[in-house]
C-alpha atoms as a PDB file:
ATOM      1  CA  UNK A   1      14.901 -34.059 -29.474  1.00  0.00           C
ATOM      2  CA  UNK A   2      13.261 -34.690 -26.122  1.00  0.00           C
ATOM      3  CA  UNK A   3      10.166 -32.656 -25.395  1.00  0.00           C
ATOM      4  CA  UNK A   4      10.283 -29.709 -23.039  1.00  0.00           C
ATOM      5  CA  UNK A   5       8.048 -31.532 -20.584  1.00  0.00           C
ATOM      6  CA  UNK A   6       9.983 -34.806 -20.399  1.00  0.00           C
ATOM      7  CA  UNK A   7      13.594 -33.807 -20.950  1.00  0.00           C
ATOM      8  CA  UNK A   8      16.101 -34.749 -18.254  1.00  0.00           C
ATOM      9  CA  UNK A   9      17.687 -31.631 -16.809  1.00  0.00           C
ATOM     10  CA  UNK A  10      21.033 -31.141 -15.084  1.00  0.00           C
ATOM     11  CA  UNK A  11      19.331 -29.932 -11.924  1.00  0.00           C
ATOM     12  CA  UNK A  12      17.610 -33.280 -11.452  1.00  0.00           C
ATOM     13  CA  UNK A  13      20.918 -34.710 -10.320  1.00  0.00           C
ATOM     14  CA  UNK A  14      21.563 -31.862  -7.899  1.00  0.00           C
ATOM     15  CA  UNK A  15      20.722 -32.546  -4.260  1.00  0.00           C
ATOM     16  CA  UNK A  16      21.873 -29.378  -2.561  1.00  0.00           C
ATOM     17  CA  UNK A  17      22.360 -25.739  -3.318  1.00  0.00           C
ATOM     18  CA  UNK A  18      25.881 -25.341  -4.658  1.00  0.00           C
ATOM     19  CA  UNK A  19      28.005 -23.381  -2.176  1.00  0.00           C
ATOM     20  CA  UNK A  20      29.471 -20.706  -4.429  1.00  0.00           C
ATOM     21  CA  UNK A  21      29.616 -16.909  -4.324  1.00  0.00           C
ATOM     22  CA  UNK A  22      26.581 -16.929  -6.643  1.00  0.00           C
ATOM     23  CA  UNK A  23      24.270 -18.530  -4.071  1.00  0.00           C
ATOM     24  CA  UNK A  24      22.671 -15.247  -3.031  1.00  0.00           C
ATOM     25  CA  UNK A  25      22.180 -14.129  -6.632  1.00  0.00           C
ATOM     26  CA  UNK A  26      20.721 -17.529  -7.541  1.00  0.00           C
ATOM     27  CA  UNK A  27      18.207 -17.439  -4.698  1.00  0.00           C
ATOM     28  CA  UNK A  28      17.354 -13.849  -5.604  1.00  0.00           C
ATOM     29  CA  UNK A  29      16.891 -14.783  -9.258  1.00  0.00           C
ATOM     30  CA  UNK A  30      14.195 -17.292  -8.278  1.00  0.00           C
ATOM     31  CA  UNK A  31      12.047 -14.334  -7.235  1.00  0.00           C
ATOM     32  CA  UNK A  32      12.599 -12.549 -10.592  1.00  0.00           C
ATOM     33  CA  UNK A  33      13.696  -9.284  -8.953  1.00  0.00           C
ATOM     34  CA  UNK A  34      12.881  -7.039 -11.915  1.00  0.00           C
ATOM     35  CA  UNK A  35       9.248  -8.116 -11.789  1.00  0.00           C
ATOM     36  CA  UNK A  36       9.217  -7.836  -8.013  1.00  0.00           C
ATOM     37  CA  UNK A  37      10.569  -4.279  -8.215  1.00  0.00           C
ATOM     38  CA  UNK A  38       7.619  -3.311 -10.416  1.00  0.00           C
ATOM     39  CA  UNK A  39       5.327  -4.836  -7.803  1.00  0.00           C
ATOM     40  CA  UNK A  40       6.886  -2.584  -5.168  1.00  0.00           C
ATOM     41  CA  UNK A  41       6.045   0.440  -7.333  1.00  0.00           C
ATOM     42  CA  UNK A  42       2.453  -0.553  -8.116  1.00  0.00           C
ATOM     43  CA  UNK A  43       1.634  -1.737  -4.592  1.00  0.00           C
ATOM     44  CA  UNK A  44       3.036   1.456  -3.090  1.00  0.00           C
ATOM     45  CA  UNK A  45       1.079   3.452  -5.647  1.00  0.00           C
ATOM     46  CA  UNK A  46      -2.187   1.744  -4.734  1.00  0.00           C
ATOM     47  CA  UNK A  47      -1.550   2.251  -1.032  1.00  0.00           C
ATOM     48  CA  UNK A  48      -0.680   5.915  -1.546  1.00  0.00           C
ATOM     49  CA  UNK A  49      -3.804   6.615  -3.602  1.00  0.00           C
ATOM     50  CA  UNK A  50      -6.225   4.911  -1.209  1.00  0.00           C
ATOM     51  CA  UNK A  51      -8.357   7.232   0.954  1.00  0.00           C
ATOM     52  CA  UNK A  52      -7.390   5.366   4.123  1.00  0.00           C
ATOM     53  CA  UNK A  53      -3.885   5.451   5.535  1.00  0.00           C
ATOM     54  CA  UNK A  54      -1.568   3.006   7.298  1.00  0.00           C
ATOM     55  CA  UNK A  55       1.244   3.839   9.670  1.00  0.00           C
ATOM     56  CA  UNK A  56       4.710   3.927   8.120  1.00  0.00           C
ATOM     57  CA  UNK A  57       5.770   0.563   9.565  1.00  0.00           C
ATOM     58  CA  UNK A  58       2.622  -1.289   8.529  1.00  0.00           C
ATOM     59  CA  UNK A  59       2.658   0.332   5.105  1.00  0.00           C
ATOM     60  CA  UNK A  60       6.277  -0.700   4.543  1.00  0.00           C
ATOM     61  CA  UNK A  61       5.601  -4.249   5.738  1.00  0.00           C
ATOM     62  CA  UNK A  62       2.532  -4.486   3.488  1.00  0.00           C
ATOM     63  CA  UNK A  63       4.441  -3.359   0.410  1.00  0.00           C
ATOM     64  CA  UNK A  64       7.364  -5.734   0.947  1.00  0.00           C
ATOM     65  CA  UNK A  65       5.084  -8.608   1.978  1.00  0.00           C
ATOM     66  CA  UNK A  66       3.185  -8.197  -1.301  1.00  0.00           C
ATOM     67  CA  UNK A  67       6.477  -8.283  -3.173  1.00  0.00           C
ATOM     68  CA  UNK A  68       7.323 -11.393  -1.158  1.00  0.00           C
ATOM     69  CA  UNK A  69       4.113 -13.111  -2.247  1.00  0.00           C
ATOM     70  CA  UNK A  70       4.933 -12.303  -5.877  1.00  0.00           C
ATOM     71  CA  UNK A  71       8.518 -13.471  -5.353  1.00  0.00           C
ATOM     72  CA  UNK A  72       7.229 -16.755  -3.947  1.00  0.00           C
ATOM     73  CA  UNK A  73       4.922 -17.222  -6.931  1.00  0.00           C
ATOM     74  CA  UNK A  74       7.862 -16.550  -9.244  1.00  0.00           C
ATOM     75  CA  UNK A  75      10.008 -19.089  -7.389  1.00  0.00           C
ATOM     76  CA  UNK A  76       7.341 -21.762  -7.794  1.00  0.00           C
ATOM     77  CA  UNK A  77       6.957 -20.766 -11.431  1.00  0.00           C
ATOM     78  CA  UNK A  78      10.702 -21.395 -11.853  1.00  0.00           C
ATOM     79  CA  UNK A  79      10.211 -24.775 -10.163  1.00  0.00           C
ATOM     80  CA  UNK A  80       7.297 -25.772 -12.395  1.00  0.00           C
ATOM     81  CA  UNK A  81       8.966 -24.558 -15.594  1.00  0.00           C
ATOM     82  CA  UNK A  82      12.466 -25.817 -14.808  1.00  0.00           C
ATOM     83  CA  UNK A  83      12.427 -28.199 -17.807  1.00  0.00           C
ATOM     84  CA  UNK A  84      11.031 -25.802 -20.406  1.00  0.00           C
ATOM     85  CA  UNK A  85      13.401 -23.053 -19.205  1.00  0.00           C
ATOM     86  CA  UNK A  86      16.299 -25.069 -20.686  1.00  0.00           C
ATOM     87  CA  UNK A  87      15.078 -24.279 -24.196  1.00  0.00           C
ATOM     88  CA  UNK A  88      15.102 -20.487 -23.933  1.00  0.00           C
ATOM     89  CA  UNK A  89      18.230 -18.340 -23.958  1.00  0.00           C
ATOM     90  CA  UNK A  90      16.811 -15.832 -21.493  1.00  0.00           C
ATOM     91  CA  UNK A  91      15.944 -18.561 -18.955  1.00  0.00           C
ATOM     92  CA  UNK A  92      18.445 -21.384 -19.475  1.00  0.00           C
ATOM     93  CA  UNK A  93      20.953 -19.630 -17.200  1.00  0.00           C
ATOM     94  CA  UNK A  94      18.565 -19.695 -14.253  1.00  0.00           C
ATOM     95  CA  UNK A  95      19.765 -21.827 -11.319  1.00  0.00           C
ATOM     96  CA  UNK A  96      17.382 -24.766 -11.856  1.00  0.00           C
ATOM     97  CA  UNK A  97      17.860 -25.452 -15.591  1.00  0.00           C
ATOM     98  CA  UNK A  98      21.585 -24.695 -15.228  1.00  0.00           C
ATOM     99  CA  UNK A  99      21.900 -27.297 -12.457  1.00  0.00           C
ATOM    100  CA  UNK A 100      23.195 -24.938  -9.771  1.00  0.00           C
ATOM    101  CA  UNK A 101      20.268 -25.549  -7.430  1.00  0.00           C
ATOM    102  CA  UNK A 102      18.200 -28.550  -6.379  1.00  0.00           C
ATOM    103  CA  UNK A 103      14.571 -28.350  -7.452  1.00  0.00           C
ATOM    104  CA  UNK A 104      13.417 -29.307  -3.958  1.00  0.00           C
ATOM    105  CA  UNK A 105      15.193 -26.247  -2.547  1.00  0.00           C
ATOM    106  CA  UNK A 106      13.281 -23.954  -4.916  1.00  0.00           C
ATOM    107  CA  UNK A 107      10.012 -25.687  -4.013  1.00  0.00           C
ATOM    108  CA  UNK A 108      10.542 -25.394  -0.256  1.00  0.00           C
ATOM    109  CA  UNK A 109      11.820 -21.822  -0.577  1.00  0.00           C
ATOM    110  CA  UNK A 110       8.773 -20.765  -2.609  1.00  0.00           C
ATOM    111  CA  UNK A 111       6.288 -22.360  -0.205  1.00  0.00           C
ATOM    112  CA  UNK A 112       7.952 -20.932   2.923  1.00  0.00           C
ATOM    113  CA  UNK A 113       8.279 -17.461   1.410  1.00  0.00           C
ATOM    114  CA  UNK A 114       4.593 -17.546   0.457  1.00  0.00           C
ATOM    115  CA  UNK A 115       3.533 -18.544   3.983  1.00  0.00           C
ATOM    116  CA  UNK A 116       5.702 -15.911   5.662  1.00  0.00           C
ATOM    117  CA  UNK A 117       4.703 -13.142   3.241  1.00  0.00           C
ATOM    118  CA  UNK A 118       0.979 -13.856   3.508  1.00  0.00           C
ATOM    119  CA  UNK A 119       1.219 -13.929   7.307  1.00  0.00           C
ATOM    120  CA  UNK A 120       3.111 -10.623   7.459  1.00  0.00           C
ATOM    121  CA  UNK A 121       0.627  -8.998   5.069  1.00  0.00           C
ATOM    122  CA  UNK A 122      -2.332 -10.191   7.143  1.00  0.00           C
ATOM    123  CA  UNK A 123      -0.819  -8.907  10.390  1.00  0.00           C
ATOM    124  CA  UNK A 124       0.294  -5.590   8.879  1.00  0.00           C
ATOM    125  CA  UNK A 125      -2.958  -4.819   7.028  1.00  0.00           C
ATOM    126  CA  UNK A 126      -6.182  -6.818   6.886  1.00  0.00           C
ATOM    127  CA  UNK A 127      -7.803  -9.978   5.571  1.00  0.00           C
ATOM    128  CA  UNK A 128      -8.981  -8.292   2.330  1.00  0.00           C
ATOM    129  CA  UNK A 129      -5.419  -7.464   1.285  1.00  0.00           C
ATOM    130  CA  UNK A 130      -4.204 -10.908   2.355  1.00  0.00           C
ATOM    131  CA  UNK A 131      -7.072 -12.572   0.483  1.00  0.00           C
ATOM    132  CA  UNK A 132      -6.261 -10.660  -2.697  1.00  0.00           C
ATOM    133  CA  UNK A 133      -2.619 -11.713  -2.342  1.00  0.00           C
ATOM    134  CA  UNK A 134      -3.708 -15.338  -2.009  1.00  0.00           C
ATOM    135  CA  UNK A 135      -5.858 -14.952  -5.142  1.00  0.00           C
ATOM    136  CA  UNK A 136      -2.925 -13.504  -7.088  1.00  0.00           C
ATOM    137  CA  UNK A 137      -0.582 -16.238  -5.853  1.00  0.00           C
ATOM    138  CA  UNK A 138      -2.969 -19.109  -6.565  1.00  0.00           C
ATOM    139  CA  UNK A 139      -4.056 -17.908  -9.995  1.00  0.00           C
ATOM    140  CA  UNK A 140      -0.441 -17.365 -11.095  1.00  0.00           C
ATOM    141  CA  UNK A 141       0.966 -20.660  -9.831  1.00  0.00           C
ATOM    142  CA  UNK A 142      -1.951 -23.051 -10.277  1.00  0.00           C
ATOM    143  CA  UNK A 143      -3.864 -21.591 -13.246  1.00  0.00           C
ATOM    144  CA  UNK A 144      -1.663 -19.355 -15.407  1.00  0.00           C
ATOM    145  CA  UNK A 145       1.550 -21.417 -15.273  1.00  0.00           C
ATOM    146  CA  UNK A 146      -0.088 -24.775 -16.194  1.00  0.00           C
ATOM    147  CA  UNK A 147      -2.049 -23.071 -19.007  1.00  0.00           C
ATOM    148  CA  UNK A 148       1.041 -21.758 -20.816  1.00  0.00           C
ATOM    149  CA  UNK A 149       1.884 -25.013 -22.653  1.00  0.00           C
ATOM    150  CA  UNK A 150      -1.786 -25.592 -23.528  1.00  0.00           C
ATOM    151  CA  UNK A 151      -3.207 -22.336 -24.884  1.00  0.00           C
ATOM    152  CA  UNK A 152      -2.068 -18.909 -26.026  1.00  0.00           C
ATOM    153  CA  UNK A 153      -4.964 -17.440 -24.045  1.00  0.00           C
ATOM    154  CA  UNK A 154      -2.892 -18.005 -20.929  1.00  0.00           C
ATOM    155  CA  UNK A 155      -1.471 -14.532 -21.534  1.00  0.00           C
ATOM    156  CA  UNK A 156      -4.899 -13.024 -20.806  1.00  0.00           C
ATOM    157  CA  UNK A 157      -5.356 -15.108 -17.664  1.00  0.00           C
ATOM    158  CA  UNK A 158      -1.890 -14.061 -16.529  1.00  0.00           C
ATOM    159  CA  UNK A 159      -2.901 -10.416 -16.523  1.00  0.00           C
ATOM    160  CA  UNK A 160      -5.186 -11.040 -13.540  1.00  0.00           C
ATOM    161  CA  UNK A 161      -2.547 -11.928 -10.908  1.00  0.00           C
ATOM    162  CA  UNK A 162      -0.274  -9.313 -12.453  1.00  0.00           C
ATOM    163  CA  UNK A 163      -2.896  -6.605 -11.956  1.00  0.00           C
ATOM    164  CA  UNK A 164      -3.781  -7.374  -8.340  1.00  0.00           C
ATOM    165  CA  UNK A 165      -0.761  -5.811  -6.475  1.00  0.00           C
ATOM    166  CA  UNK A 166      -1.982  -2.166  -6.670  1.00  0.00           C
ATOM    167  CA  UNK A 167      -5.382  -3.336  -5.447  1.00  0.00           C
ATOM    168  CA  UNK A 168      -3.633  -5.097  -2.556  1.00  0.00           C
ATOM    169  CA  UNK A 169      -1.949  -1.813  -1.696  1.00  0.00           C
ATOM    170  CA  UNK A 170      -5.295  -0.009  -1.865  1.00  0.00           C
ATOM    171  CA  UNK A 171      -7.028  -2.662   0.250  1.00  0.00           C
ATOM    172  CA  UNK A 172      -4.274  -2.563   2.871  1.00  0.00           C
ATOM    173  CA  UNK A 173      -5.268   1.024   3.638  1.00  0.00           C
ATOM    174  CA  UNK A 174      -8.935   0.944   2.565  1.00  0.00           C
ATOM    175  CA  UNK A 175     -10.463  -2.564   2.619  1.00  0.00           C
ATOM    176  CA  UNK A 176     -13.723  -1.345   1.065  1.00  0.00           C
ATOM    177  CA  UNK A 177     -12.858  -1.497  -2.631  1.00  0.00           C
ATOM    178  CA  UNK A 178     -14.637   0.727  -5.124  1.00  0.00           C
ATOM    179  CA  UNK A 179     -14.425   2.048  -8.675  1.00  0.00           C
ATOM    180  CA  UNK A 180     -11.020   3.762  -8.243  1.00  0.00           C
ATOM    181  CA  UNK A 181      -9.432   0.483  -7.156  1.00  0.00           C
ATOM    182  CA  UNK A 182     -10.978  -1.236 -10.180  1.00  0.00           C
ATOM    183  CA  UNK A 183      -9.455   1.436 -12.428  1.00  0.00           C
ATOM    184  CA  UNK A 184      -6.020   0.622 -11.017  1.00  0.00           C
ATOM    185  CA  UNK A 185      -6.722  -3.039 -11.706  1.00  0.00           C
ATOM    186  CA  UNK A 186      -7.847  -2.221 -15.258  1.00  0.00           C
ATOM    187  CA  UNK A 187      -4.727  -0.170 -15.936  1.00  0.00           C
ATOM    188  CA  UNK A 188      -2.489  -3.085 -14.982  1.00  0.00           C
ATOM    189  CA  UNK A 189      -4.538  -5.634 -16.956  1.00  0.00           C
ATOM    190  CA  UNK A 190      -4.423  -3.571 -20.142  1.00  0.00           C
ATOM    191  CA  UNK A 191      -0.784  -2.567 -19.685  1.00  0.00           C
ATOM    192  CA  UNK A 192       0.302  -6.185 -19.539  1.00  0.00           C
ATOM    193  CA  UNK A 193      -1.247  -7.164 -22.878  1.00  0.00           C
ATOM    194  CA  UNK A 194       1.071  -5.118 -25.153  1.00  0.00           C
ATOM    195  CA  UNK A 195       3.939  -5.814 -22.747  1.00  0.00           C
ATOM    196  CA  UNK A 196       3.699  -9.605 -23.009  1.00  0.00           C
ATOM    197  CA  UNK A 197       2.521  -9.796 -26.619  1.00  0.00           C
ATOM    198  CA  UNK A 198       5.598  -7.792 -27.609  1.00  0.00           C
ATOM    199  CA  UNK A 199       8.019 -10.143 -25.883  1.00  0.00           C
ATOM    200  CA  UNK A 200       6.194 -13.170 -27.316  1.00  0.00           C
ATOM    201  CA  UNK A 201       6.721 -11.785 -30.826  1.00  0.00           C
ATOM    202  CA  UNK A 202      10.434 -11.300 -30.226  1.00  0.00           C
ATOM    203  CA  UNK A 203      10.928 -14.723 -28.625  1.00  0.00           C
ATOM    204  CA  UNK A 204       8.297 -16.726 -30.508  1.00  0.00           C
ATOM    205  CA  UNK A 205      10.816 -19.318 -31.710  1.00  0.00           C
ATOM    206  CA  UNK A 206      12.225 -19.890 -28.242  1.00  0.00           C
ATOM    207  CA  UNK A 207       8.780 -20.218 -26.700  1.00  0.00           C
ATOM    208  CA  UNK A 208       7.919 -22.824 -29.353  1.00  0.00           C
ATOM    209  CA  UNK A 209      11.054 -24.849 -28.544  1.00  0.00           C
ATOM    210  CA  UNK A 210      10.125 -24.706 -24.879  1.00  0.00           C
ATOM    211  CA  UNK A 211       6.647 -26.039 -25.632  1.00  0.00           C
ATOM    212  CA  UNK A 212       4.891 -22.827 -24.576  1.00  0.00           C
ATOM    213  CA  UNK A 213       2.081 -21.336 -26.664  1.00  0.00           C
ATOM    214  CA  UNK A 214       2.243 -17.714 -27.780  1.00  0.00           C
ATOM    215  CA  UNK A 215      -0.446 -15.484 -29.223  1.00  0.00           C
ATOM    216  CA  UNK A 216       1.601 -14.666 -32.324  1.00  0.00           C
ATOM    217  CA  UNK A 217       2.484 -18.313 -32.849  1.00  0.00           C
ATOM    218  CA  UNK A 218      -1.141 -19.420 -32.543  1.00  0.00           C
ATOM    219  CA  UNK A 219      -3.000 -16.581 -34.265  1.00  0.00           C
ATOM    220  CA  UNK A 220      -0.361 -14.885 -36.409  1.00  0.00           C
ATOM    221  CA  UNK A 221       1.523 -11.614 -36.341  1.00  0.00           C
ATOM    222  CA  UNK A 222      -1.304  -9.496 -37.773  1.00  0.00           C
ATOM    223  CA  UNK A 223      -3.769 -10.581 -35.094  1.00  0.00           C
ATOM    224  CA  UNK A 224      -1.122  -9.905 -32.455  1.00  0.00           C
ATOM    225  CA  UNK A 225      -0.559  -6.392 -33.833  1.00  0.00           C
ATOM    226  CA  UNK A 226      -4.295  -5.739 -33.535  1.00  0.00           C
ATOM    227  CA  UNK A 227      -4.306  -7.090 -29.991  1.00  0.00           C
ATOM    228  CA  UNK A 228      -1.508  -4.710 -29.033  1.00  0.00           C
ATOM    229  CA  UNK A 229      -3.209  -1.712 -30.650  1.00  0.00           C
ATOM    230  CA  UNK A 230      -6.632  -2.383 -29.115  1.00  0.00           C
ATOM    231  CA  UNK A 231      -5.096  -2.860 -25.664  1.00  0.00           C
ATOM    232  CA  UNK A 232      -3.020   0.338 -26.050  1.00  0.00           C
ATOM    233  CA  UNK A 233      -6.122   2.374 -26.950  1.00  0.00           C
ATOM    234  CA  UNK A 234      -8.128   0.829 -24.106  1.00  0.00           C
ATOM    235  CA  UNK A 235      -5.264   1.514 -21.691  1.00  0.00           C
ATOM    236  CA  UNK A 236      -5.240   5.183 -22.653  1.00  0.00           C
ATOM    237  CA  UNK A 237      -9.004   5.404 -22.077  1.00  0.00           C
ATOM    238  CA  UNK A 238      -8.907   3.674 -18.681  1.00  0.00           C
ATOM    239  CA  UNK A 239      -5.970   5.813 -17.552  1.00  0.00           C
ATOM    240  CA  UNK A 240      -8.032   8.941 -18.274  1.00  0.00           C
ATOM    241  CA  UNK A 241     -10.882   7.539 -16.124  1.00  0.00           C
ATOM    242  CA  UNK A 242      -8.675   7.972 -13.067  1.00  0.00           C
ATOM    243  CA  UNK A 243      -9.287  11.738 -13.184  1.00  0.00           C
ATOM    244  CA  UNK A 244     -13.111  11.908 -12.926  1.00  0.00           C
ATOM    245  CA  UNK A 245     -12.959   9.219 -10.245  1.00  0.00           C
ATOM    246  CA  UNK A 246     -10.786  11.473  -8.122  1.00  0.00           C
ATOM    247  CA  UNK A 247      -7.561   9.447  -8.246  1.00  0.00           C
ATOM    248  CA  UNK A 248      -5.602  12.296  -9.820  1.00  0.00           C
ATOM    249  CA  UNK A 249      -5.875  15.634 -11.609  1.00  0.00           C
ATOM    250  CA  UNK A 250      -4.324  17.540 -14.492  1.00  0.00           C
ATOM    251  CA  UNK A 251      -0.654  16.662 -13.808  1.00  0.00           C
ATOM    252  CA  UNK A 252      -1.369  12.958 -14.062  1.00  0.00           C
ATOM    253  CA  UNK A 253      -3.827  13.505 -16.929  1.00  0.00           C
ATOM    254  CA  UNK A 254      -1.233  15.291 -19.056  1.00  0.00           C
ATOM    255  CA  UNK A 255       1.333  12.574 -18.340  1.00  0.00           C
ATOM    256  CA  UNK A 256      -1.084   9.703 -18.998  1.00  0.00           C
ATOM    257  CA  UNK A 257      -2.339  11.273 -22.229  1.00  0.00           C
ATOM    258  CA  UNK A 258       1.172  11.941 -23.511  1.00  0.00           C
ATOM    259  CA  UNK A 259       2.719   8.579 -22.662  1.00  0.00           C
ATOM    260  CA  UNK A 260      -0.452   6.652 -23.524  1.00  0.00           C
ATOM    261  CA  UNK A 261      -0.751   8.433 -26.849  1.00  0.00           C
ATOM    262  CA  UNK A 262       2.855   7.612 -27.663  1.00  0.00           C
ATOM    263  CA  UNK A 263       2.164   3.978 -26.737  1.00  0.00           C
ATOM    264  CA  UNK A 264      -0.713   3.922 -29.224  1.00  0.00           C
ATOM    265  CA  UNK A 265       1.580   5.415 -31.859  1.00  0.00           C
ATOM    266  CA  UNK A 266       4.216   2.728 -31.238  1.00  0.00           C
ATOM    267  CA  UNK A 267       1.500   0.098 -31.669  1.00  0.00           C
ATOM    268  CA  UNK A 268       0.411   1.672 -34.968  1.00  0.00           C
ATOM    269  CA  UNK A 269       4.020   1.686 -36.171  1.00  0.00           C
ATOM    270  CA  UNK A 270       3.952  -2.091 -35.886  1.00  0.00           C
ATOM    271  CA  UNK A 271       1.552  -2.298 -38.839  1.00  0.00           C
ATOM    272  CA  UNK A 272       4.128  -0.497 -40.986  1.00  0.00           C
ATOM    273  CA  UNK A 273       6.824  -3.060 -40.202  1.00  0.00           C
ATOM    274  CA  UNK A 274       6.787  -5.510 -43.088  1.00  0.00           C
ATOM    275  CA  UNK A 275      10.344  -6.817 -43.204  1.00  0.00           C
ATOM    276  CA  UNK A 276      10.717  -9.848 -40.928  1.00  0.00           C
ATOM    277  CA  UNK A 277      14.088  -8.663 -39.638  1.00  0.00           C
ATOM    278  CA  UNK A 278      12.488  -5.430 -38.395  1.00  0.00           C
ATOM    279  CA  UNK A 279       9.696  -7.105 -36.396  1.00  0.00           C
ATOM    280  CA  UNK A 280      11.991  -8.140 -33.550  1.00  0.00           C
ATOM    281  CA  UNK A 281      13.469  -4.656 -32.995  1.00  0.00           C
ATOM    282  CA  UNK A 282       9.983  -3.096 -33.055  1.00  0.00           C
ATOM    283  CA  UNK A 283       8.703  -5.627 -30.505  1.00  0.00           C
ATOM    284  CA  UNK A 284      11.772  -5.073 -28.309  1.00  0.00           C
ATOM    285  CA  UNK A 285      11.296  -1.301 -28.435  1.00  0.00           C
ATOM    286  CA  UNK A 286       7.624  -1.647 -27.512  1.00  0.00           C
ATOM    287  CA  UNK A 287       8.445  -3.997 -24.637  1.00  0.00           C
ATOM    288  CA  UNK A 288      11.044  -1.633 -23.182  1.00  0.00           C
ATOM    289  CA  UNK A 289       8.741   1.354 -23.574  1.00  0.00           C
ATOM    290  CA  UNK A 290       5.984  -0.442 -21.682  1.00  0.00           C
ATOM    291  CA  UNK A 291       8.246  -0.705 -18.629  1.00  0.00           C
ATOM    292  CA  UNK A 292       8.885   3.031 -18.706  1.00  0.00           C
ATOM    293  CA  UNK A 293       5.201   3.756 -19.311  1.00  0.00           C
ATOM    294  CA  UNK A 294       3.973   1.908 -16.220  1.00  0.00           C
ATOM    295  CA  UNK A 295       6.574   3.413 -13.892  1.00  0.00           C
ATOM    296  CA  UNK A 296       5.831   6.922 -15.163  1.00  0.00           C
ATOM    297  CA  UNK A 297       2.066   6.456 -14.729  1.00  0.00           C
ATOM    298  CA  UNK A 298       2.319   5.553 -11.057  1.00  0.00           C
ATOM    299  CA  UNK A 299       4.982   8.169 -10.402  1.00  0.00           C
ATOM    300  CA  UNK A 300       2.728  10.791 -12.000  1.00  0.00           C
ATOM    301  CA  UNK A 301      -0.137   9.769  -9.715  1.00  0.00           C
ATOM    302  CA  UNK A 302       2.062  10.175  -6.646  1.00  0.00           C
ATOM    303  CA  UNK A 303       3.489  13.541  -7.784  1.00  0.00           C
ATOM    304  CA  UNK A 304       0.006  14.738  -8.701  1.00  0.00           C
ATOM    305  CA  UNK A 305      -1.244  13.870  -5.235  1.00  0.00           C
ATOM    306  CA  UNK A 306       1.669  15.625  -3.529  1.00  0.00           C
ATOM    307  CA  UNK A 307       1.300  18.806  -5.580  1.00  0.00           C
ATOM    308  CA  UNK A 308      -2.487  19.044  -5.464  1.00  0.00           C
ATOM    309  CA  UNK A 309      -2.650  18.384  -1.716  1.00  0.00           C
ATOM    310  CA  UNK A 310      -0.650  21.523  -0.964  1.00  0.00           C
END
């Protein structure tokens, strides 16, 4: 079998974007819209919680420009991983490995989207927010993505660009960053660890075929369980810190404690799963719960602010 890094792919023979009804969905898929939608939530949450305020137009432009930067990074990630994506069921249907799109199109699209999004963010907010977006973009595309085939520790590095969007939102309204903004950053860093370790457990075999290192594949399932549990406990603690720092009050606290506590419990349950066939369902359940957990956390912060400001 050819390696994931040298295998010839169908898209290498493609020279143009295939003109089919799926063109729009293919271009959209480059930006990984589900991830980008989470970025909209976290960026808006950071902007809402910041002490400074932007006008509605600039705030909207800042939020969507941040999502655009992330979408551009995702498009370039698809370009860089177009060969390894062929070896994974969840990615082999993407336009590049499936041969529906020329790789050069994805490259040009990603670069242009990044330039436009950074420019809009700079004009709509300030250089601090734009600089943070550039840091997130560069660390994701040029550090995290190349690390994935080399070391399982890439998952920890990848939490950094993933945790920057709420700080971008905060900086767009209040460029002087302080402890509350760092708490938002910490929440996103710690949230991502169980989230990505869970999916790496479920898809460990596919990642191995693709030539990508996973934590469970490198250090074993037991170490991965401990990593998930420690991160879940730390996430609960950092979420609670938002209250004394003035980010939220009792409504958010009750929500964060309840959902965070349940997240810790789900991590503990993983140690009770001994049958190999049950590991995948547990990891899938944990992964899906993490998506709900993050959305609820930021929604609770917004609701808390609306209620307590009355």
